N, C-alpha and C. Protein backbone atom coordinates (compact mmCIF):
# COMPACT_ATOMS: atom_id res chain seq x y z
N MET A 1 118.15 102.29 45.04
CA MET A 1 117.82 102.84 46.34
C MET A 1 116.51 103.60 46.24
N LYS A 2 115.59 103.34 47.18
CA LYS A 2 114.31 104.03 47.18
C LYS A 2 114.51 105.51 47.50
N GLU A 3 113.64 106.34 46.92
CA GLU A 3 113.76 107.78 47.16
C GLU A 3 113.46 108.14 48.60
N ASP A 4 112.61 107.35 49.29
CA ASP A 4 112.24 107.69 50.65
C ASP A 4 113.15 107.03 51.69
N SER A 5 114.28 106.45 51.24
CA SER A 5 115.19 105.83 52.21
C SER A 5 115.84 106.92 53.05
N ARG A 6 116.17 106.56 54.29
CA ARG A 6 116.73 107.52 55.22
C ARG A 6 118.13 107.09 55.61
N VAL A 7 118.95 108.05 56.00
CA VAL A 7 120.30 107.78 56.44
C VAL A 7 120.25 107.32 57.89
N LYS A 8 120.96 106.27 58.20
CA LYS A 8 121.12 105.78 59.56
C LYS A 8 122.60 105.92 59.91
N ILE A 9 122.91 106.44 61.09
CA ILE A 9 124.29 106.60 61.52
C ILE A 9 124.58 105.50 62.53
N VAL A 10 125.63 104.71 62.28
CA VAL A 10 126.02 103.61 63.15
C VAL A 10 127.40 103.93 63.71
N THR A 11 127.55 103.84 65.03
CA THR A 11 128.83 104.08 65.67
C THR A 11 129.32 102.76 66.26
N ILE A 12 130.53 102.35 65.89
CA ILE A 12 131.09 101.09 66.37
C ILE A 12 132.49 101.38 66.92
N PRO A 13 132.64 101.51 68.25
CA PRO A 13 133.98 101.69 68.79
C PRO A 13 134.79 100.40 68.60
N ILE A 14 136.00 100.51 68.08
CA ILE A 14 136.87 99.36 67.86
C ILE A 14 138.15 99.59 68.65
N HIS A 15 138.45 98.68 69.57
CA HIS A 15 139.65 98.78 70.40
C HIS A 15 140.76 98.01 69.69
N THR A 16 141.75 98.72 69.15
CA THR A 16 142.81 98.09 68.38
C THR A 16 144.04 98.99 68.34
N ASP A 17 145.17 98.38 68.02
CA ASP A 17 146.41 99.14 67.84
C ASP A 17 146.72 99.37 66.37
N ILE A 18 145.79 98.98 65.49
CA ILE A 18 145.99 99.16 64.04
C ILE A 18 146.06 100.65 63.73
N ASP A 19 146.93 101.02 62.82
CA ASP A 19 147.05 102.40 62.36
C ASP A 19 145.70 102.89 61.82
N THR A 20 145.37 104.15 62.09
CA THR A 20 144.09 104.73 61.70
C THR A 20 143.83 104.60 60.20
N SER A 21 144.82 104.91 59.37
CA SER A 21 144.60 104.84 57.91
C SER A 21 144.39 103.40 57.45
N GLU A 22 145.08 102.45 58.09
CA GLU A 22 144.90 101.04 57.73
C GLU A 22 143.50 100.56 58.13
N LEU A 23 143.04 100.98 59.32
CA LEU A 23 141.70 100.61 59.76
C LEU A 23 140.65 101.21 58.84
N LEU A 24 140.87 102.44 58.38
CA LEU A 24 139.95 103.06 57.43
C LEU A 24 139.87 102.23 56.15
N ASP A 25 141.00 101.78 55.64
CA ASP A 25 141.00 100.93 54.44
C ASP A 25 140.23 99.63 54.69
N ILE A 26 140.40 99.06 55.87
CA ILE A 26 139.68 97.82 56.22
C ILE A 26 138.18 98.08 56.26
N MET A 27 137.76 99.19 56.88
CA MET A 27 136.33 99.51 56.99
C MET A 27 135.72 99.77 55.62
N ILE A 28 136.45 100.47 54.77
CA ILE A 28 135.96 100.72 53.41
C ILE A 28 135.83 99.40 52.67
N GLY A 29 136.80 98.50 52.84
CA GLY A 29 136.73 97.20 52.20
C GLY A 29 135.62 96.31 52.74
N SER A 30 135.12 96.60 53.93
CA SER A 30 134.07 95.80 54.56
C SER A 30 132.66 96.24 54.16
N ARG A 31 132.55 97.30 53.38
CA ARG A 31 131.22 97.80 53.00
C ARG A 31 130.32 96.71 52.43
N GLY A 32 130.84 95.96 51.47
CA GLY A 32 130.03 94.92 50.82
C GLY A 32 129.55 93.87 51.79
N THR A 33 130.43 93.45 52.70
CA THR A 33 130.07 92.45 53.70
C THR A 33 128.99 92.98 54.63
N ILE A 34 129.12 94.22 55.06
CA ILE A 34 128.12 94.82 55.95
C ILE A 34 126.76 94.88 55.25
N ILE A 35 126.75 95.28 53.98
CA ILE A 35 125.49 95.34 53.23
C ILE A 35 124.88 93.95 53.11
N GLU A 36 125.70 92.92 52.86
CA GLU A 36 125.19 91.55 52.79
C GLU A 36 124.59 91.13 54.12
N TRP A 37 125.26 91.45 55.24
CA TRP A 37 124.75 91.10 56.56
C TRP A 37 123.39 91.77 56.81
N ILE A 38 123.27 93.03 56.43
CA ILE A 38 122.00 93.74 56.60
C ILE A 38 120.91 93.02 55.83
N ASP A 39 121.20 92.66 54.59
CA ASP A 39 120.22 91.98 53.75
C ASP A 39 119.83 90.62 54.34
N GLN A 40 120.82 89.88 54.86
CA GLN A 40 120.56 88.56 55.43
C GLN A 40 119.78 88.63 56.74
N GLN A 41 120.06 89.63 57.56
CA GLN A 41 119.44 89.73 58.88
C GLN A 41 118.09 90.43 58.87
N TYR A 42 117.76 91.12 57.80
CA TYR A 42 116.52 91.88 57.72
C TYR A 42 115.33 90.92 57.76
N THR A 43 114.38 91.22 58.63
CA THR A 43 113.21 90.36 58.78
C THR A 43 111.90 91.12 58.57
N GLY A 44 111.96 92.25 57.91
CA GLY A 44 110.78 93.09 57.71
C GLY A 44 109.84 92.52 56.66
N PRO A 45 108.77 93.26 56.38
CA PRO A 45 107.73 92.77 55.48
C PRO A 45 108.15 92.71 54.01
N GLU A 46 109.11 93.53 53.61
CA GLU A 46 109.54 93.52 52.21
C GLU A 46 110.43 92.32 51.96
N GLU A 47 110.32 91.75 50.77
CA GLU A 47 111.11 90.56 50.45
C GLU A 47 112.60 90.88 50.37
N HIS A 48 112.93 92.03 49.82
CA HIS A 48 114.33 92.42 49.66
C HIS A 48 114.45 93.90 49.99
N ILE A 49 115.54 94.26 50.62
CA ILE A 49 115.81 95.67 50.90
C ILE A 49 117.09 96.08 50.20
N GLU A 50 117.24 97.37 50.05
CA GLU A 50 118.48 97.91 49.48
C GLU A 50 119.16 98.73 50.56
N ALA A 51 120.46 98.55 50.67
CA ALA A 51 121.26 99.36 51.58
C ALA A 51 122.51 99.78 50.81
N HIS A 52 122.99 100.97 51.11
CA HIS A 52 124.18 101.48 50.43
C HIS A 52 125.02 102.25 51.44
N ILE A 53 126.31 102.07 51.38
CA ILE A 53 127.24 102.81 52.23
C ILE A 53 128.20 103.56 51.30
N ASN A 54 128.16 104.88 51.36
CA ASN A 54 129.07 105.69 50.55
C ASN A 54 130.48 105.64 51.14
N GLU A 55 131.46 105.35 50.31
CA GLU A 55 132.84 105.27 50.77
C GLU A 55 133.29 106.56 51.44
N GLU A 56 132.88 107.70 50.88
CA GLU A 56 133.32 108.98 51.43
C GLU A 56 132.68 109.30 52.78
N ASP A 57 131.64 108.54 53.18
CA ASP A 57 131.00 108.77 54.48
C ASP A 57 131.65 107.97 55.60
N ILE A 58 132.55 107.06 55.26
CA ILE A 58 133.21 106.22 56.27
C ILE A 58 134.41 107.00 56.82
N SER A 59 134.50 107.04 58.14
CA SER A 59 135.64 107.71 58.76
C SER A 59 136.08 106.94 59.99
N VAL A 60 137.33 107.13 60.37
CA VAL A 60 137.89 106.52 61.56
C VAL A 60 138.55 107.64 62.36
N GLU A 61 138.18 107.73 63.62
CA GLU A 61 138.74 108.75 64.50
C GLU A 61 139.62 108.06 65.54
N ASP A 62 140.81 108.56 65.74
CA ASP A 62 141.73 107.99 66.72
C ASP A 62 141.46 108.65 68.07
N CYS A 63 140.90 107.89 69.00
CA CYS A 63 140.63 108.39 70.35
C CYS A 63 141.68 107.80 71.27
N LYS A 64 142.62 108.61 71.68
CA LYS A 64 143.73 108.13 72.52
C LYS A 64 143.23 107.57 73.84
N GLU A 65 142.25 108.25 74.44
CA GLU A 65 141.73 107.80 75.72
C GLU A 65 140.23 107.60 75.61
N LYS A 66 139.78 106.49 76.16
CA LYS A 66 138.34 106.24 76.19
C LYS A 66 137.73 107.21 77.18
N GLN A 67 136.57 107.73 76.83
CA GLN A 67 135.89 108.68 77.70
C GLN A 67 134.58 108.05 78.18
N PRO A 68 134.66 107.20 79.23
CA PRO A 68 133.49 106.44 79.65
C PRO A 68 132.37 107.30 80.19
N ASP A 69 132.68 108.50 80.69
CA ASP A 69 131.63 109.34 81.26
C ASP A 69 130.94 110.20 80.21
N MET A 70 131.34 110.09 78.94
CA MET A 70 130.71 110.89 77.90
C MET A 70 129.33 110.30 77.58
N SER A 71 128.30 111.06 77.82
CA SER A 71 126.95 110.58 77.57
C SER A 71 126.69 110.49 76.07
N ARG A 72 125.66 109.75 75.70
CA ARG A 72 125.28 109.65 74.30
C ARG A 72 124.96 111.05 73.77
N PHE A 73 124.35 111.91 74.60
CA PHE A 73 124.04 113.26 74.16
C PHE A 73 125.32 114.03 73.86
N GLU A 74 126.35 113.85 74.70
CA GLU A 74 127.63 114.52 74.45
C GLU A 74 128.25 114.02 73.16
N GLN A 75 128.12 112.72 72.87
CA GLN A 75 128.63 112.17 71.63
C GLN A 75 127.91 112.80 70.44
N VAL A 76 126.59 112.98 70.57
CA VAL A 76 125.82 113.61 69.50
C VAL A 76 126.24 115.06 69.34
N LYS A 77 126.50 115.76 70.46
CA LYS A 77 126.98 117.14 70.37
C LYS A 77 128.28 117.21 69.58
N ARG A 78 129.18 116.25 69.82
CA ARG A 78 130.45 116.23 69.08
C ARG A 78 130.19 116.04 67.59
N LEU A 79 129.24 115.16 67.26
CA LEU A 79 128.90 114.95 65.86
C LEU A 79 128.33 116.23 65.25
N ALA A 80 127.41 116.87 65.97
CA ALA A 80 126.81 118.10 65.47
C ALA A 80 127.86 119.19 65.32
N PHE A 81 128.77 119.28 66.30
CA PHE A 81 129.80 120.31 66.26
C PHE A 81 130.70 120.14 65.05
N GLY A 82 131.13 118.91 64.80
CA GLY A 82 132.06 118.67 63.72
C GLY A 82 131.45 118.83 62.34
N ASN A 83 130.16 118.65 62.21
CA ASN A 83 129.53 118.66 60.90
C ASN A 83 128.53 119.79 60.69
N LYS A 84 128.41 120.67 61.64
CA LYS A 84 127.52 121.82 61.54
C LYS A 84 126.06 121.39 61.32
N TYR A 85 125.63 120.43 62.13
CA TYR A 85 124.24 120.00 62.09
C TYR A 85 123.45 120.70 63.19
N ARG A 86 122.17 120.77 62.98
CA ARG A 86 121.26 121.21 64.04
C ARG A 86 120.68 119.95 64.65
N MET A 87 120.50 119.96 65.95
CA MET A 87 119.88 118.84 66.64
C MET A 87 118.47 119.24 67.01
N ILE A 88 117.52 118.51 66.47
CA ILE A 88 116.11 118.75 66.80
C ILE A 88 115.69 117.66 67.79
N GLY A 89 115.39 118.06 69.01
CA GLY A 89 114.97 117.10 70.03
C GLY A 89 113.56 116.61 69.73
N VAL A 90 113.30 115.37 70.10
CA VAL A 90 111.99 114.76 69.86
C VAL A 90 111.53 114.12 71.17
N ARG A 91 110.32 114.44 71.57
CA ARG A 91 109.77 113.89 72.81
C ARG A 91 108.33 113.44 72.58
N TYR A 92 108.02 112.24 73.03
CA TYR A 92 106.66 111.72 72.97
C TYR A 92 105.84 112.34 74.09
N LEU A 93 104.66 112.83 73.77
CA LEU A 93 103.72 113.35 74.76
C LEU A 93 102.52 112.42 74.79
N GLY A 94 102.32 111.77 75.91
CA GLY A 94 101.23 110.80 76.04
C GLY A 94 99.86 111.46 76.01
N PRO A 95 98.82 110.66 75.82
CA PRO A 95 97.46 111.21 75.75
C PRO A 95 97.00 111.75 77.11
N THR A 96 96.12 112.72 77.06
CA THR A 96 95.50 113.28 78.26
C THR A 96 94.00 113.02 78.16
N ASN A 97 93.25 113.57 79.09
CA ASN A 97 91.79 113.43 79.03
C ASN A 97 91.19 114.19 77.85
N HIS A 98 91.93 115.16 77.33
CA HIS A 98 91.38 116.03 76.28
C HIS A 98 92.14 115.96 74.96
N ARG A 99 93.34 115.41 74.96
CA ARG A 99 94.15 115.36 73.74
C ARG A 99 94.72 113.96 73.55
N GLY A 100 94.89 113.60 72.29
CA GLY A 100 95.53 112.33 71.97
C GLY A 100 97.04 112.44 72.09
N SER A 101 97.73 111.36 71.78
CA SER A 101 99.19 111.35 71.81
C SER A 101 99.72 112.38 70.83
N ARG A 102 100.86 112.98 71.19
CA ARG A 102 101.48 113.99 70.34
C ARG A 102 102.98 113.83 70.38
N VAL A 103 103.66 114.57 69.52
CA VAL A 103 105.11 114.57 69.47
C VAL A 103 105.57 116.03 69.53
N LYS A 104 106.51 116.28 70.44
CA LYS A 104 107.07 117.63 70.56
C LYS A 104 108.44 117.64 69.91
N LEU A 105 108.67 118.59 69.01
CA LEU A 105 109.97 118.83 68.42
C LEU A 105 110.48 120.14 68.99
N TYR A 106 111.74 120.17 69.39
CA TYR A 106 112.30 121.38 69.96
C TYR A 106 113.73 121.56 69.49
N GLU A 107 114.12 122.80 69.38
CA GLU A 107 115.48 123.16 68.95
C GLU A 107 116.41 122.83 70.10
N ALA A 108 117.10 121.69 70.00
CA ALA A 108 117.94 121.23 71.11
C ALA A 108 119.30 121.92 71.09
N LEU A 109 119.93 121.94 69.94
CA LEU A 109 121.28 122.48 69.87
C LEU A 109 121.68 122.62 68.42
N HIS A 110 122.34 123.68 68.09
CA HIS A 110 123.00 123.75 66.79
C HIS A 110 124.24 124.62 66.91
N THR A 111 125.01 124.65 65.88
CA THR A 111 126.29 125.35 65.94
C THR A 111 126.28 126.54 65.01
N HIS A 112 126.93 127.60 65.46
CA HIS A 112 127.18 128.73 64.58
C HIS A 112 128.17 128.28 63.51
N VAL A 113 128.27 129.05 62.45
CA VAL A 113 129.24 128.74 61.41
C VAL A 113 130.66 128.73 61.99
N ASP A 114 130.92 129.53 63.04
CA ASP A 114 132.24 129.56 63.66
C ASP A 114 132.50 128.36 64.58
N GLY A 115 131.49 127.49 64.75
CA GLY A 115 131.68 126.27 65.52
C GLY A 115 131.17 126.32 66.95
N SER A 116 130.78 127.49 67.46
CA SER A 116 130.28 127.55 68.83
C SER A 116 128.83 127.04 68.89
N PHE A 117 128.48 126.42 70.03
CA PHE A 117 127.14 125.88 70.21
C PHE A 117 126.17 126.95 70.69
N TYR A 118 124.93 126.82 70.31
CA TYR A 118 123.88 127.61 70.92
C TYR A 118 122.55 126.92 70.69
N SER A 119 121.59 127.29 71.50
CA SER A 119 120.24 126.78 71.31
C SER A 119 119.29 127.96 71.42
N GLU A 120 118.12 127.78 70.89
CA GLU A 120 117.13 128.85 70.90
C GLU A 120 115.97 128.42 71.77
N PRO A 121 115.93 128.85 73.03
CA PRO A 121 114.82 128.47 73.89
C PRO A 121 113.50 128.93 73.28
N GLY A 122 112.50 128.12 73.41
CA GLY A 122 111.18 128.50 72.91
C GLY A 122 110.91 128.02 71.50
N GLN A 123 111.94 127.61 70.75
CA GLN A 123 111.72 127.09 69.41
C GLN A 123 111.21 125.67 69.53
N SER A 124 109.90 125.50 69.49
CA SER A 124 109.34 124.16 69.57
C SER A 124 108.00 124.12 68.84
N VAL A 125 107.59 122.92 68.52
CA VAL A 125 106.30 122.71 67.88
C VAL A 125 105.77 121.36 68.35
N ILE A 126 104.47 121.28 68.53
CA ILE A 126 103.83 120.02 68.92
C ILE A 126 102.95 119.58 67.76
N ILE A 127 103.14 118.34 67.33
CA ILE A 127 102.38 117.81 66.20
C ILE A 127 101.61 116.57 66.66
N PRO A 128 100.49 116.28 66.02
CA PRO A 128 99.70 115.12 66.44
C PRO A 128 100.40 113.81 66.10
N TRP A 129 100.10 112.78 66.87
CA TRP A 129 100.63 111.44 66.61
C TRP A 129 100.07 110.94 65.30
N ASP A 130 100.89 110.30 64.50
CA ASP A 130 100.46 109.74 63.22
C ASP A 130 100.60 108.23 63.32
N TYR A 131 99.48 107.54 63.29
CA TYR A 131 99.48 106.08 63.49
C TYR A 131 100.01 105.31 62.29
N ASP A 132 100.40 106.01 61.23
CA ASP A 132 101.05 105.34 60.10
C ASP A 132 102.52 105.04 60.42
N TYR A 133 103.03 105.58 61.51
CA TYR A 133 104.44 105.41 61.89
C TYR A 133 104.55 104.63 63.18
N ASN A 134 105.75 104.09 63.43
CA ASN A 134 105.98 103.25 64.61
C ASN A 134 106.62 103.99 65.78
N SER A 135 107.12 105.21 65.54
CA SER A 135 107.81 105.90 66.63
C SER A 135 107.72 107.41 66.45
N SER A 136 107.99 108.11 67.54
CA SER A 136 107.98 109.57 67.49
C SER A 136 109.11 110.09 66.59
N LEU A 137 110.26 109.37 66.54
CA LEU A 137 111.34 109.80 65.66
C LEU A 137 110.91 109.73 64.19
N GLU A 138 110.21 108.66 63.81
CA GLU A 138 109.74 108.54 62.42
C GLU A 138 108.77 109.68 62.08
N ILE A 139 107.90 110.00 63.02
CA ILE A 139 106.94 111.10 62.80
C ILE A 139 107.69 112.42 62.65
N ALA A 140 108.69 112.64 63.51
CA ALA A 140 109.48 113.87 63.46
C ALA A 140 110.23 113.99 62.14
N VAL A 141 110.84 112.90 61.68
CA VAL A 141 111.59 112.92 60.42
C VAL A 141 110.65 113.26 59.27
N ASP A 142 109.48 112.63 59.22
CA ASP A 142 108.52 112.91 58.15
C ASP A 142 108.08 114.38 58.18
N TYR A 143 107.83 114.90 59.36
CA TYR A 143 107.43 116.31 59.51
C TYR A 143 108.53 117.24 59.00
N LEU A 144 109.78 116.99 59.42
CA LEU A 144 110.90 117.84 59.02
C LEU A 144 111.18 117.75 57.52
N LEU A 145 111.07 116.55 56.96
CA LEU A 145 111.24 116.40 55.51
C LEU A 145 110.17 117.21 54.77
N GLY A 146 108.95 117.20 55.30
CA GLY A 146 107.87 117.97 54.70
C GLY A 146 108.11 119.47 54.70
N LEU A 147 108.92 119.93 55.67
CA LEU A 147 109.27 121.35 55.73
C LEU A 147 110.50 121.67 54.88
N GLY A 148 111.11 120.65 54.29
CA GLY A 148 112.26 120.88 53.43
C GLY A 148 113.61 120.75 54.11
N PHE A 149 113.64 120.22 55.34
CA PHE A 149 114.91 120.02 56.02
C PHE A 149 115.65 118.85 55.38
N ASN A 150 116.98 118.92 55.38
CA ASN A 150 117.82 117.84 54.89
C ASN A 150 118.21 116.99 56.09
N VAL A 151 117.43 115.94 56.35
CA VAL A 151 117.63 115.08 57.52
C VAL A 151 118.83 114.18 57.27
N GLN A 152 119.74 114.14 58.26
CA GLN A 152 120.96 113.34 58.14
C GLN A 152 120.91 112.05 58.95
N GLY A 153 120.04 111.97 59.94
CA GLY A 153 119.94 110.76 60.74
C GLY A 153 119.28 111.04 62.08
N CYS A 154 119.13 109.98 62.88
CA CYS A 154 118.51 110.08 64.20
C CYS A 154 119.42 109.42 65.22
N VAL A 155 119.58 110.08 66.35
CA VAL A 155 120.40 109.53 67.42
C VAL A 155 119.82 109.97 68.76
N VAL A 156 119.61 109.04 69.65
CA VAL A 156 119.27 109.29 71.04
C VAL A 156 118.17 110.35 71.19
N GLY A 157 117.03 110.13 70.59
CA GLY A 157 115.92 111.06 70.73
C GLY A 157 116.09 112.38 70.04
N HIS A 158 116.98 112.46 69.07
CA HIS A 158 117.24 113.68 68.32
C HIS A 158 117.31 113.37 66.83
N VAL A 159 116.90 114.33 66.04
CA VAL A 159 117.05 114.24 64.60
C VAL A 159 118.13 115.23 64.21
N LEU A 160 119.11 114.77 63.43
CA LEU A 160 120.17 115.65 62.95
C LEU A 160 119.79 116.16 61.57
N VAL A 161 119.77 117.48 61.41
CA VAL A 161 119.46 118.08 60.12
C VAL A 161 120.61 118.99 59.73
N GLU A 162 120.87 119.08 58.43
CA GLU A 162 121.93 119.95 57.95
C GLU A 162 121.59 121.39 58.25
N TRP A 163 122.63 122.13 58.59
CA TRP A 163 122.46 123.57 58.80
C TRP A 163 122.02 124.18 57.48
N GLY A 164 120.95 124.93 57.47
CA GLY A 164 120.44 125.51 56.24
C GLY A 164 120.48 127.02 56.25
N HIS A 165 120.67 127.60 55.10
CA HIS A 165 120.62 129.05 54.96
C HIS A 165 119.61 129.37 53.88
N PRO A 166 118.63 130.19 54.09
CA PRO A 166 118.41 130.89 55.34
C PRO A 166 117.91 129.93 56.42
N HIS A 167 118.03 130.34 57.67
CA HIS A 167 117.63 129.53 58.82
C HIS A 167 116.15 129.16 58.70
N LYS A 168 115.86 127.87 58.76
CA LYS A 168 114.49 127.40 58.68
C LYS A 168 113.95 127.22 60.09
N SER A 169 112.69 127.54 60.27
CA SER A 169 112.05 127.35 61.56
C SER A 169 111.41 125.97 61.60
N ILE A 170 111.50 125.30 62.76
CA ILE A 170 110.85 124.00 62.90
C ILE A 170 109.33 124.16 63.03
N LYS A 171 108.88 125.40 63.20
CA LYS A 171 107.45 125.65 63.32
C LYS A 171 106.77 125.68 61.94
N GLY A 172 107.56 125.76 60.90
CA GLY A 172 107.00 125.77 59.55
C GLY A 172 106.41 127.09 59.13
N ASP A 173 106.66 128.15 59.91
CA ASP A 173 106.07 129.46 59.59
C ASP A 173 107.08 130.42 58.98
N GLU A 174 108.29 129.97 58.72
CA GLU A 174 109.30 130.86 58.10
C GLU A 174 109.89 130.21 56.89
């Protein structure tokens, strides 16, 4: 596995009556097949890619009722709540007459150690667009990694980073 590889979080709702523990065993057993599919379907510039799925990272949650009105942001909040991640929002800022394209990172949401949500208004930073990358999320991840954040993945215009102690600023000044 390359040192600069990043974690991708994939959510696949499965509608079934199979027992949760049995489905977990099936998903763990499917790791090899999923990795083969990724390798077969990959069409990027590299001849071969490496993908790895840690068994301990696979989980199955039993949702008794489907919640169709739950937005993707609400789903991300649930993920952040359960795992004590901070959500760093990422927004593309288009060019103006005086400035080139930029990326705004802002403290969207994080959880206290006790599990309650809070956000810090005003915690934001604007960084210049980097044409070595294909998206604002890639630029944001590179910026946060450079500040020493432990990036866990990207979802719906947000970067999930592990809660760190002492609290790190996204502005890079603390």
